[in-house]
N, C-alpha and C. Protein backbone atom coordinates (compact mmCIF):
# COMPACT_ATOMS: atom_id res chain seq x y z
N MET A 1 83.84 -82.20 235.08
CA MET A 1 85.03 -81.83 235.81
C MET A 1 85.30 -82.94 236.82
N THR A 2 86.46 -83.50 236.75
CA THR A 2 86.86 -84.53 237.70
C THR A 2 88.08 -84.04 238.44
N THR A 3 88.25 -84.52 239.65
CA THR A 3 89.39 -84.13 240.43
C THR A 3 90.08 -85.36 240.99
N GLU A 4 91.38 -85.25 241.12
CA GLU A 4 92.16 -86.35 241.69
C GLU A 4 92.09 -86.28 243.21
N THR A 5 92.02 -87.43 243.84
CA THR A 5 92.09 -87.50 245.29
C THR A 5 93.49 -87.91 245.68
N LYS A 6 93.76 -87.96 246.98
CA LYS A 6 95.08 -88.34 247.46
C LYS A 6 95.52 -89.70 246.93
N GLY A 7 94.63 -90.65 246.87
CA GLY A 7 94.97 -91.98 246.41
C GLY A 7 95.06 -92.12 244.91
N GLY A 8 94.81 -91.04 244.15
CA GLY A 8 94.88 -91.10 242.71
C GLY A 8 93.57 -91.46 242.06
N SER A 9 92.58 -91.79 242.85
CA SER A 9 91.26 -92.15 242.32
C SER A 9 90.48 -90.89 241.97
N VAL A 10 89.72 -90.95 240.91
CA VAL A 10 88.99 -89.79 240.42
C VAL A 10 87.62 -89.70 241.09
N GLN A 11 87.24 -88.50 241.48
CA GLN A 11 85.92 -88.23 242.04
C GLN A 11 84.90 -88.26 240.90
N THR A 12 83.76 -88.87 241.14
CA THR A 12 82.74 -88.97 240.10
C THR A 12 81.36 -88.63 240.67
N PRO A 13 81.13 -87.37 241.06
CA PRO A 13 79.86 -87.03 241.69
C PRO A 13 78.65 -87.23 240.78
N ALA A 14 78.77 -86.92 239.50
CA ALA A 14 77.63 -87.09 238.58
C ALA A 14 77.31 -88.56 238.39
N LEU A 15 78.32 -89.37 238.17
CA LEU A 15 78.11 -90.80 237.97
C LEU A 15 77.55 -91.45 239.24
N GLU A 16 78.09 -91.07 240.38
CA GLU A 16 77.59 -91.61 241.65
C GLU A 16 76.13 -91.24 241.85
N ASN A 17 75.75 -90.02 241.51
CA ASN A 17 74.36 -89.60 241.65
C ASN A 17 73.47 -90.35 240.68
N LEU A 18 73.89 -90.45 239.43
CA LEU A 18 73.11 -91.17 238.42
C LEU A 18 72.87 -92.61 238.85
N LEU A 19 73.91 -93.29 239.26
CA LEU A 19 73.79 -94.71 239.59
C LEU A 19 73.08 -94.94 240.91
N GLY A 20 73.41 -94.19 241.93
CA GLY A 20 72.83 -94.41 243.25
C GLY A 20 71.43 -93.87 243.42
N ALA A 21 71.15 -92.72 242.81
CA ALA A 21 69.84 -92.08 243.00
C ALA A 21 68.85 -92.36 241.87
N TYR A 22 69.34 -92.76 240.70
CA TYR A 22 68.45 -92.98 239.56
C TYR A 22 68.41 -94.44 239.13
N PHE A 23 69.53 -95.13 239.15
CA PHE A 23 69.55 -96.55 238.77
C PHE A 23 69.60 -97.45 240.00
N HIS A 24 68.78 -97.10 241.00
CA HIS A 24 68.66 -97.88 242.23
C HIS A 24 67.77 -99.10 241.97
N GLN A 25 67.45 -99.84 243.01
CA GLN A 25 66.73 -101.11 242.85
C GLN A 25 65.34 -100.97 242.22
N ASP A 26 64.72 -99.80 242.30
CA ASP A 26 63.38 -99.61 241.74
C ASP A 26 63.37 -98.77 240.47
N TRP A 27 64.52 -98.61 239.83
CA TRP A 27 64.59 -97.70 238.67
C TRP A 27 63.61 -98.09 237.58
N PHE A 28 63.46 -99.37 237.30
CA PHE A 28 62.57 -99.78 236.21
C PHE A 28 61.12 -99.49 236.56
N ASP A 29 60.72 -99.73 237.80
CA ASP A 29 59.35 -99.44 238.23
C ASP A 29 59.04 -97.95 238.13
N GLU A 30 60.01 -97.12 238.39
CA GLU A 30 59.80 -95.67 238.37
C GLU A 30 59.83 -95.08 236.97
N HIS A 31 60.64 -95.64 236.08
CA HIS A 31 60.86 -95.00 234.78
C HIS A 31 60.49 -95.86 233.56
N GLY A 32 60.52 -97.16 233.69
CA GLY A 32 60.14 -98.02 232.59
C GLY A 32 61.27 -98.46 231.68
N ASP A 33 62.27 -97.63 231.48
CA ASP A 33 63.45 -98.05 230.72
C ASP A 33 64.64 -97.16 231.09
N GLU A 34 65.83 -97.60 230.68
CA GLU A 34 67.04 -96.90 231.08
C GLU A 34 67.15 -95.50 230.49
N TRP A 35 66.56 -95.28 229.32
CA TRP A 35 66.70 -93.96 228.69
C TRP A 35 65.76 -92.94 229.32
N ALA A 36 64.60 -93.37 229.77
CA ALA A 36 63.72 -92.47 230.53
C ALA A 36 64.37 -92.11 231.87
N THR A 37 65.07 -93.08 232.45
CA THR A 37 65.78 -92.83 233.70
C THR A 37 66.87 -91.78 233.47
N LEU A 38 67.62 -91.95 232.39
CA LEU A 38 68.66 -90.98 232.06
C LEU A 38 68.07 -89.60 231.79
N ASP A 39 66.97 -89.53 231.06
CA ASP A 39 66.33 -88.24 230.80
C ASP A 39 65.92 -87.55 232.10
N ASP A 40 65.43 -88.33 233.06
CA ASP A 40 65.06 -87.78 234.37
C ASP A 40 66.29 -87.20 235.07
N PHE A 41 67.41 -87.90 234.98
CA PHE A 41 68.66 -87.39 235.56
C PHE A 41 69.07 -86.08 234.89
N ILE A 42 69.05 -86.04 233.58
CA ILE A 42 69.45 -84.83 232.84
C ILE A 42 68.57 -83.65 233.24
N ASP A 43 67.26 -83.89 233.32
CA ASP A 43 66.33 -82.82 233.70
C ASP A 43 66.45 -82.43 235.17
N GLY A 44 66.67 -83.42 236.01
CA GLY A 44 66.67 -83.17 237.45
C GLY A 44 68.00 -82.75 238.04
N GLU A 45 69.08 -82.91 237.30
CA GLU A 45 70.42 -82.61 237.82
C GLU A 45 71.20 -81.74 236.84
N PRO A 46 70.71 -80.51 236.59
CA PRO A 46 71.38 -79.68 235.58
C PRO A 46 72.82 -79.30 235.92
N ALA A 47 73.19 -79.29 237.17
CA ALA A 47 74.57 -78.98 237.53
C ALA A 47 75.49 -80.19 237.35
N LEU A 48 74.95 -81.40 237.50
CA LEU A 48 75.76 -82.61 237.40
C LEU A 48 75.81 -83.19 235.99
N ALA A 49 74.74 -83.05 235.23
CA ALA A 49 74.67 -83.67 233.91
C ALA A 49 75.86 -83.33 233.01
N PRO A 50 76.32 -82.07 232.95
CA PRO A 50 77.46 -81.77 232.09
C PRO A 50 78.76 -82.46 232.50
N LEU A 51 78.86 -82.88 233.74
CA LEU A 51 80.06 -83.56 234.23
C LEU A 51 80.11 -85.02 233.80
N LEU A 52 78.95 -85.60 233.52
CA LEU A 52 78.86 -87.03 233.31
C LEU A 52 79.70 -87.58 232.16
N PRO A 53 79.69 -86.99 230.96
CA PRO A 53 80.51 -87.56 229.88
C PRO A 53 81.99 -87.66 230.23
N GLY A 54 82.55 -86.65 230.85
CA GLY A 54 83.96 -86.69 231.24
C GLY A 54 84.23 -87.75 232.30
N GLU A 55 83.33 -87.87 233.25
CA GLU A 55 83.49 -88.90 234.28
C GLU A 55 83.42 -90.29 233.67
N ILE A 56 82.55 -90.48 232.71
CA ILE A 56 82.44 -91.78 232.04
C ILE A 56 83.71 -92.08 231.26
N ARG A 57 84.24 -91.11 230.53
CA ARG A 57 85.49 -91.33 229.78
C ARG A 57 86.60 -91.77 230.73
N GLN A 58 86.70 -91.10 231.87
CA GLN A 58 87.74 -91.43 232.85
C GLN A 58 87.52 -92.83 233.41
N LEU A 59 86.29 -93.17 233.74
CA LEU A 59 85.98 -94.50 234.27
C LEU A 59 86.33 -95.59 233.27
N LEU A 60 85.97 -95.38 232.01
CA LEU A 60 86.29 -96.37 230.98
C LEU A 60 87.79 -96.53 230.78
N ALA A 61 88.53 -95.44 230.92
CA ALA A 61 89.99 -95.51 230.79
C ALA A 61 90.62 -96.27 231.96
N GLU A 62 90.02 -96.17 233.12
CA GLU A 62 90.55 -96.83 234.32
C GLU A 62 90.18 -98.31 234.41
N HIS A 63 89.11 -98.72 233.74
CA HIS A 63 88.61 -100.10 233.86
C HIS A 63 88.55 -100.73 232.47
N ALA A 64 89.62 -101.42 232.11
CA ALA A 64 89.74 -101.98 230.76
C ALA A 64 88.87 -103.21 230.56
N ASP A 65 88.62 -103.97 231.62
CA ASP A 65 87.84 -105.19 231.44
C ASP A 65 86.42 -105.02 232.00
N GLU A 66 85.50 -105.79 231.45
CA GLU A 66 84.09 -105.70 231.79
C GLU A 66 83.82 -106.04 233.26
N ALA A 67 84.52 -107.02 233.80
CA ALA A 67 84.29 -107.41 235.19
C ALA A 67 84.67 -106.29 236.15
N SER A 68 85.79 -105.64 235.90
CA SER A 68 86.23 -104.53 236.74
C SER A 68 85.25 -103.37 236.64
N LEU A 69 84.80 -103.08 235.43
CA LEU A 69 83.85 -102.01 235.21
C LEU A 69 82.53 -102.30 235.93
N GLU A 70 82.04 -103.51 235.78
CA GLU A 70 80.78 -103.90 236.44
C GLU A 70 80.91 -103.76 237.96
N ALA A 71 82.01 -104.23 238.52
CA ALA A 71 82.21 -104.14 239.97
C ALA A 71 82.22 -102.68 240.42
N ARG A 72 82.86 -101.82 239.66
CA ARG A 72 82.90 -100.39 240.03
C ARG A 72 81.51 -99.78 239.98
N LEU A 73 80.73 -100.08 238.94
CA LEU A 73 79.38 -99.53 238.83
C LEU A 73 78.51 -99.98 239.99
N PHE A 74 78.59 -101.23 240.35
CA PHE A 74 77.78 -101.73 241.46
C PHE A 74 78.25 -101.14 242.79
N SER A 75 79.55 -100.86 242.91
CA SER A 75 80.05 -100.23 244.14
C SER A 75 79.53 -98.79 244.28
N LEU A 76 79.16 -98.19 243.15
CA LEU A 76 78.61 -96.83 243.16
C LEU A 76 77.08 -96.82 243.33
N GLY A 77 76.48 -98.00 243.48
CA GLY A 77 75.05 -98.06 243.75
C GLY A 77 74.17 -98.48 242.60
N SER A 78 74.76 -98.82 241.46
CA SER A 78 73.96 -99.20 240.30
C SER A 78 73.28 -100.55 240.51
N CYS A 79 72.02 -100.60 240.09
CA CYS A 79 71.28 -101.87 240.06
C CYS A 79 70.90 -102.22 238.61
N TYR A 80 71.47 -101.51 237.65
CA TYR A 80 71.22 -101.78 236.24
C TYR A 80 72.08 -102.95 235.79
N VAL A 81 71.46 -103.86 235.06
CA VAL A 81 72.18 -105.02 234.54
C VAL A 81 72.06 -105.00 233.02
N THR A 82 73.18 -105.06 232.34
CA THR A 82 73.20 -105.10 230.88
C THR A 82 73.70 -106.46 230.44
N SER A 83 73.74 -106.67 229.14
CA SER A 83 74.22 -107.95 228.63
C SER A 83 75.31 -107.70 227.60
N PRO A 84 76.16 -108.70 227.38
CA PRO A 84 77.22 -108.54 226.38
C PRO A 84 76.68 -108.26 224.97
N THR A 85 75.50 -108.77 224.66
CA THR A 85 74.94 -108.54 223.34
C THR A 85 74.52 -107.09 223.14
N GLU A 86 74.36 -106.35 224.23
CA GLU A 86 74.02 -104.93 224.16
C GLU A 86 75.27 -104.05 224.25
N GLY A 87 76.44 -104.65 224.19
CA GLY A 87 77.68 -103.90 224.31
C GLY A 87 78.22 -103.88 225.72
N GLY A 88 77.56 -104.58 226.62
CA GLY A 88 78.01 -104.62 228.01
C GLY A 88 77.94 -103.26 228.66
N TYR A 89 78.61 -103.14 229.79
CA TYR A 89 78.60 -101.88 230.52
C TYR A 89 79.37 -100.79 229.78
N ARG A 90 80.40 -101.16 229.06
CA ARG A 90 81.16 -100.18 228.28
C ARG A 90 80.26 -99.54 227.21
N GLY A 91 79.51 -100.36 226.50
CA GLY A 91 78.60 -99.84 225.49
C GLY A 91 77.51 -98.99 226.09
N TRP A 92 76.96 -99.43 227.22
CA TRP A 92 75.90 -98.69 227.91
C TRP A 92 76.40 -97.32 228.36
N LEU A 93 77.56 -97.28 228.98
CA LEU A 93 78.11 -96.01 229.44
C LEU A 93 78.47 -95.08 228.29
N THR A 94 78.99 -95.65 227.21
CA THR A 94 79.31 -94.85 226.03
C THR A 94 78.05 -94.21 225.46
N GLU A 95 76.96 -94.96 225.43
CA GLU A 95 75.69 -94.42 224.94
C GLU A 95 75.15 -93.37 225.89
N ILE A 96 75.31 -93.56 227.19
CA ILE A 96 74.89 -92.54 228.15
C ILE A 96 75.64 -91.24 227.89
N ALA A 97 76.96 -91.33 227.75
CA ALA A 97 77.76 -90.13 227.48
C ALA A 97 77.32 -89.44 226.20
N ARG A 98 77.03 -90.22 225.17
CA ARG A 98 76.58 -89.64 223.89
C ARG A 98 75.25 -88.93 224.06
N ARG A 99 74.31 -89.56 224.75
CA ARG A 99 72.98 -88.97 224.93
C ARG A 99 73.02 -87.72 225.79
N VAL A 100 73.81 -87.75 226.83
CA VAL A 100 73.92 -86.56 227.69
C VAL A 100 74.53 -85.42 226.91
N THR A 101 75.59 -85.67 226.18
CA THR A 101 76.22 -84.62 225.38
C THR A 101 75.24 -84.03 224.38
N ALA A 102 74.47 -84.87 223.72
CA ALA A 102 73.49 -84.40 222.73
C ALA A 102 72.38 -83.58 223.38
N ALA A 103 72.05 -83.88 224.63
CA ALA A 103 70.95 -83.19 225.31
C ALA A 103 71.37 -81.85 225.91
N LEU A 104 72.66 -81.65 226.09
CA LEU A 104 73.13 -80.43 226.73
C LEU A 104 73.12 -79.25 225.75
N PRO A 105 72.89 -78.05 226.28
CA PRO A 105 73.03 -76.86 225.44
C PRO A 105 74.48 -76.77 224.95
N PRO A 106 74.72 -76.20 223.78
CA PRO A 106 76.07 -76.15 223.22
C PRO A 106 77.13 -75.57 224.18
N HIS A 107 76.77 -74.60 225.00
CA HIS A 107 77.76 -74.00 225.90
C HIS A 107 78.13 -74.90 227.07
N ASN A 108 77.40 -76.00 227.28
CA ASN A 108 77.71 -76.95 228.36
C ASN A 108 78.38 -78.22 227.88
N ARG A 109 78.68 -78.35 226.61
CA ARG A 109 79.26 -79.58 226.07
C ARG A 109 80.74 -79.66 226.25
């Protein structure tokens, strides 16, 4: 569930939590890889996890180019760095949305 603010910008509480609290500067030391980090978010944030796929879709729609998307992710606290050969940030976020959706109970999808 996303909401519009006065300025037209969309609120992204799940994405902000995932990036700032899970993909912080020590994320790799704590989890070992990005998918274990995501699994920890899904398990630890049951109220926010169902919101994440919709927030990601909205973010991808708002940021057509990779540089803009990267800047937005880092402004939300992300310390994760991807590469163009891995699909860049767009590919990474798309995979996050897919994995979260698959992990949710059917009534939360």
